[in-house]
Amino acid sequence: MNDHWKRHWSSNTFSASQPTIKDYFRIAHGTFLWRTIQADSKNVSKRVTKHPRGYLRDTGLLHHILQIASHKRLFSHPQMGASWEGLVIEEILRSLNAAAVQHTPYSYRTSGGAEVGLIVEGKFGLIPFEIKHTQTVNSRHLRPLRDFVNKFDCPFGIVVNNDEKIRRYDEKLLGVPLSVLVTASSSQ
């Protein structure tokens, strides 16, 4: 559920020290309840935030904790985007694991607020993913992804969304509906 949880579950909430809370998240990561994705440490600059990101891996559990009991409440909930992002990241990483593709996931965020949802590195190079719950994606929202692709000379960037079909936004940005990723991964 991204950094939202870490802000709410501070040392004051648990009456525990910051190192103890980090240990709690490490334990949760080991139990497969929480996934921690380290910040990209190879391509860092002063402008890149070096803090890991994390989220609950089970969106059903997340929705239960947030007391979201219906689709209507989910779609109007302020954490809908974070829930969707966690679901998509988990689906991408599970699919790569199931296909036995060696990879390392990273998070990427600059101090100026530019963010790319997920970076996956492997023999295939760096592939950045931007994750949007919407069907249509505004060109302005693609700027951080486009900048990352150009800065690190990635072969392409992928926008995972709820569109009805695969779209090419430009020569290096491709929009892929989650339904296509799920279908492709389940047919392996």
Protein backbone atom coordinates (compact mmCIF):
# COMPACT_ATOMS: atom_id res chain seq x y z
CA MET A 1 0.00 0.00 0.00
CA ASN A 2 2.95 2.18 -0.69
CA ASP A 3 4.41 4.57 1.82
CA HIS A 4 0.95 5.44 3.14
CA TRP A 5 1.28 2.62 5.69
CA LYS A 6 4.67 3.74 6.90
CA ARG A 7 3.34 7.25 7.49
CA HIS A 8 0.41 5.91 9.52
CA TRP A 9 2.36 3.20 11.29
CA SER A 10 5.01 5.45 12.70
CA SER A 11 7.07 4.87 15.82
CA ASN A 12 4.41 6.85 17.74
CA THR A 13 1.66 4.47 16.62
CA PHE A 14 3.49 1.37 17.84
CA SER A 15 5.41 2.99 20.69
CA ALA A 16 8.45 1.40 19.09
CA SER A 17 11.71 2.69 17.71
CA GLN A 18 12.26 3.31 14.01
CA PRO A 19 14.69 0.31 13.73
CA THR A 20 12.07 -1.93 15.36
CA ILE A 21 9.43 -0.80 12.88
CA LYS A 22 11.83 -1.51 10.01
CA ASP A 23 12.27 -4.99 11.48
CA TYR A 24 8.47 -5.43 11.52
CA PHE A 25 8.28 -4.60 7.82
CA ARG A 26 11.21 -6.93 7.07
CA ILE A 27 9.40 -9.75 8.91
CA ALA A 28 6.14 -8.98 7.05
CA HIS A 29 8.12 -9.08 3.77
CA GLY A 30 9.45 -12.53 4.70
CA THR A 31 5.92 -13.79 5.35
CA PHE A 32 4.77 -12.67 1.89
CA LEU A 33 2.24 -10.24 3.37
CA TRP A 34 4.30 -7.19 2.49
CA ARG A 35 6.55 -6.57 -0.50
CA THR A 36 9.42 -4.14 -0.14
CA ILE A 37 10.91 -2.83 -3.35
CA GLN A 38 14.28 -1.20 -2.96
CA ALA A 39 15.06 2.16 -4.53
CA ASP A 40 17.14 2.05 -7.70
CA SER A 41 20.66 2.34 -6.32
CA LYS A 42 22.59 1.93 -9.57
CA ASN A 43 21.14 4.90 -11.37
CA VAL A 44 20.94 7.33 -8.48
CA SER A 45 21.62 11.01 -8.43
CA LYS A 46 21.12 13.63 -5.77
CA ARG A 47 17.59 14.14 -7.04
CA VAL A 48 16.54 10.49 -6.63
CA THR A 49 14.89 9.39 -3.40
CA LYS A 50 16.74 6.40 -1.97
CA HIS A 51 13.92 5.08 0.23
CA PRO A 52 12.32 1.71 -0.55
CA ARG A 53 8.61 1.42 -1.27
CA GLY A 54 6.28 -1.22 -0.02
CA TYR A 55 2.71 -2.45 -0.08
CA LEU A 56 0.45 -5.21 1.15
CA ARG A 57 0.61 -8.00 -1.41
CA ASP A 58 -2.96 -9.21 -0.87
CA THR A 59 -5.40 -6.53 -2.02
CA GLY A 60 -8.31 -8.44 -0.47
CA LEU A 61 -6.62 -8.18 2.92
CA LEU A 62 -5.87 -4.52 2.26
CA HIS A 63 -9.51 -3.80 1.42
CA HIS A 64 -10.63 -5.66 4.57
CA ILE A 65 -8.24 -3.61 6.75
CA LEU A 66 -9.49 -0.40 5.12
CA GLN A 67 -13.10 -1.61 5.62
CA ILE A 68 -13.91 -1.44 1.93
CA ALA A 69 -16.79 -3.85 1.49
CA SER A 70 -18.01 -3.08 -2.03
CA HIS A 71 -16.76 -2.14 -5.48
CA LYS A 72 -18.58 1.17 -5.20
CA ARG A 73 -16.70 2.06 -2.00
CA LEU A 74 -13.42 0.83 -3.47
CA PHE A 75 -13.68 3.01 -6.58
CA SER A 76 -14.39 6.11 -4.48
CA HIS A 77 -11.79 5.36 -1.78
CA PRO A 78 -8.71 7.62 -1.62
CA GLN A 79 -6.44 4.54 -1.58
CA MET A 80 -7.90 3.08 -4.79
CA GLY A 81 -4.87 4.11 -6.86
CA ALA A 82 -2.40 2.66 -4.36
CA SER A 83 -4.40 -0.57 -4.17
CA TRP A 84 -4.44 -0.85 -7.97
CA GLU A 85 -0.72 -0.14 -8.18
CA GLY A 86 0.07 -2.86 -5.63
CA LEU A 87 -2.12 -5.35 -7.49
CA VAL A 88 -0.46 -4.61 -10.83
CA ILE A 89 3.09 -4.69 -9.45
CA GLU A 90 2.39 -8.00 -7.76
CA GLU A 91 0.95 -9.43 -11.00
CA ILE A 92 3.99 -8.33 -13.03
CA LEU A 93 6.49 -9.74 -10.54
CA ARG A 94 4.58 -13.01 -10.05
CA SER A 95 4.41 -13.48 -13.83
CA LEU A 96 8.17 -12.95 -14.18
CA ASN A 97 8.82 -15.40 -11.34
CA ALA A 98 6.45 -17.98 -12.84
CA ALA A 99 8.27 -17.71 -16.18
CA ALA A 100 11.63 -18.08 -14.37
CA VAL A 101 12.84 -14.74 -15.76
CA GLN A 102 15.75 -13.45 -13.68
CA HIS A 103 14.95 -9.88 -12.68
CA THR A 104 15.35 -7.28 -9.97
CA PRO A 105 12.52 -4.84 -9.19
CA TYR A 106 13.25 -1.25 -8.18
CA SER A 107 11.31 1.82 -7.22
CA TYR A 108 12.11 5.25 -8.63
CA ARG A 109 11.11 8.65 -7.32
CA THR A 110 12.85 11.99 -7.56
CA SER A 111 12.86 14.65 -4.87
CA GLY A 112 10.83 16.76 -7.29
CA GLY A 113 8.00 14.20 -7.22
CA ALA A 114 8.55 12.46 -10.56
CA GLU A 115 7.83 8.78 -10.07
CA VAL A 116 7.79 5.60 -12.11
CA GLY A 117 5.62 2.84 -10.62
CA LEU A 118 8.07 -0.04 -11.12
CA ILE A 119 11.46 -0.59 -12.75
CA VAL A 120 12.41 -4.16 -13.66
CA GLU A 121 16.00 -4.95 -14.56
CA GLY A 122 17.29 -8.15 -16.12
CA LYS A 123 19.17 -9.47 -19.15
CA PHE A 124 16.58 -7.58 -21.18
CA GLY A 125 17.80 -4.24 -19.72
CA LEU A 126 15.70 -1.76 -17.75
CA ILE A 127 11.95 -1.79 -18.31
CA PRO A 128 9.99 0.95 -16.53
CA PHE A 129 6.28 0.53 -15.80
CA GLU A 130 3.82 3.30 -15.05
CA ILE A 131 0.57 2.11 -13.52
CA LYS A 132 -2.71 3.99 -14.01
CA HIS A 133 -6.16 2.74 -13.05
CA THR A 134 -7.83 4.81 -15.76
CA GLN A 135 -8.69 3.72 -19.30
CA THR A 136 -7.20 6.81 -20.90
CA VAL A 137 -3.88 8.27 -19.87
CA ASN A 138 -3.14 11.96 -20.12
CA SER A 139 0.12 12.80 -21.92
CA ARG A 140 1.14 14.94 -18.93
CA HIS A 141 1.03 11.82 -16.71
CA LEU A 142 3.45 10.06 -19.05
CA ARG A 143 6.21 12.62 -18.63
CA PRO A 144 8.07 10.89 -15.74
CA LEU A 145 8.01 7.59 -17.65
CA ARG A 146 9.10 9.24 -20.89
CA ASP A 147 11.92 11.09 -19.08
CA PHE A 148 13.11 7.85 -17.44
CA VAL A 149 13.08 5.95 -20.76
CA ASN A 150 15.12 8.71 -22.42
CA LYS A 151 17.53 9.29 -19.52
CA PHE A 152 18.43 5.61 -19.13
CA ASP A 153 18.06 4.66 -22.80
CA CYS A 154 15.46 1.97 -22.09
CA PRO A 155 14.20 -0.03 -25.07
CA PHE A 156 10.64 1.01 -24.14
CA GLY A 157 8.34 1.87 -21.24
CA ILE A 158 5.01 0.26 -20.42
CA VAL A 159 1.88 1.92 -19.09
CA VAL A 160 -0.37 -0.66 -17.43
CA ASN A 161 -3.95 0.59 -17.37
CA ASN A 162 -7.60 -0.41 -17.79
CA ASP A 163 -7.83 0.35 -21.49
CA GLU A 164 -9.64 -2.02 -23.84
CA LYS A 165 -6.67 -2.61 -26.13
CA ILE A 166 -2.92 -2.21 -26.42
CA ARG A 167 -1.92 1.32 -27.49
CA ARG A 168 1.27 2.94 -28.68
CA TYR A 169 1.63 6.40 -27.10
CA ASP A 170 4.85 7.12 -28.99
CA GLU A 171 7.78 5.15 -30.40
CA LYS A 172 8.99 4.04 -26.95
CA LEU A 173 5.82 4.06 -24.79
CA LEU A 174 3.28 1.27 -24.94
CA GLY A 175 -0.06 1.08 -23.11
CA VAL A 176 -1.03 -2.43 -22.03
CA PRO A 177 -4.30 -3.26 -20.26
CA LEU A 178 -3.92 -5.33 -17.12
CA SER A 179 -6.35 -7.84 -18.62
CA VAL A 180 -3.81 -8.54 -21.40
CA LEU A 181 -1.00 -9.08 -18.85
CA VAL A 182 -3.16 -11.42 -16.76
CA THR A 183 -4.26 -13.38 -19.84
CA ALA A 184 -0.67 -13.66 -21.11
CA SER A 185 0.68 -14.78 -17.73
CA SER A 186 -2.06 -17.36 -17.15
CA SER A 187 -1.44 -18.96 -20.56
CA GLN A 188 2.22 -19.74 -19.74
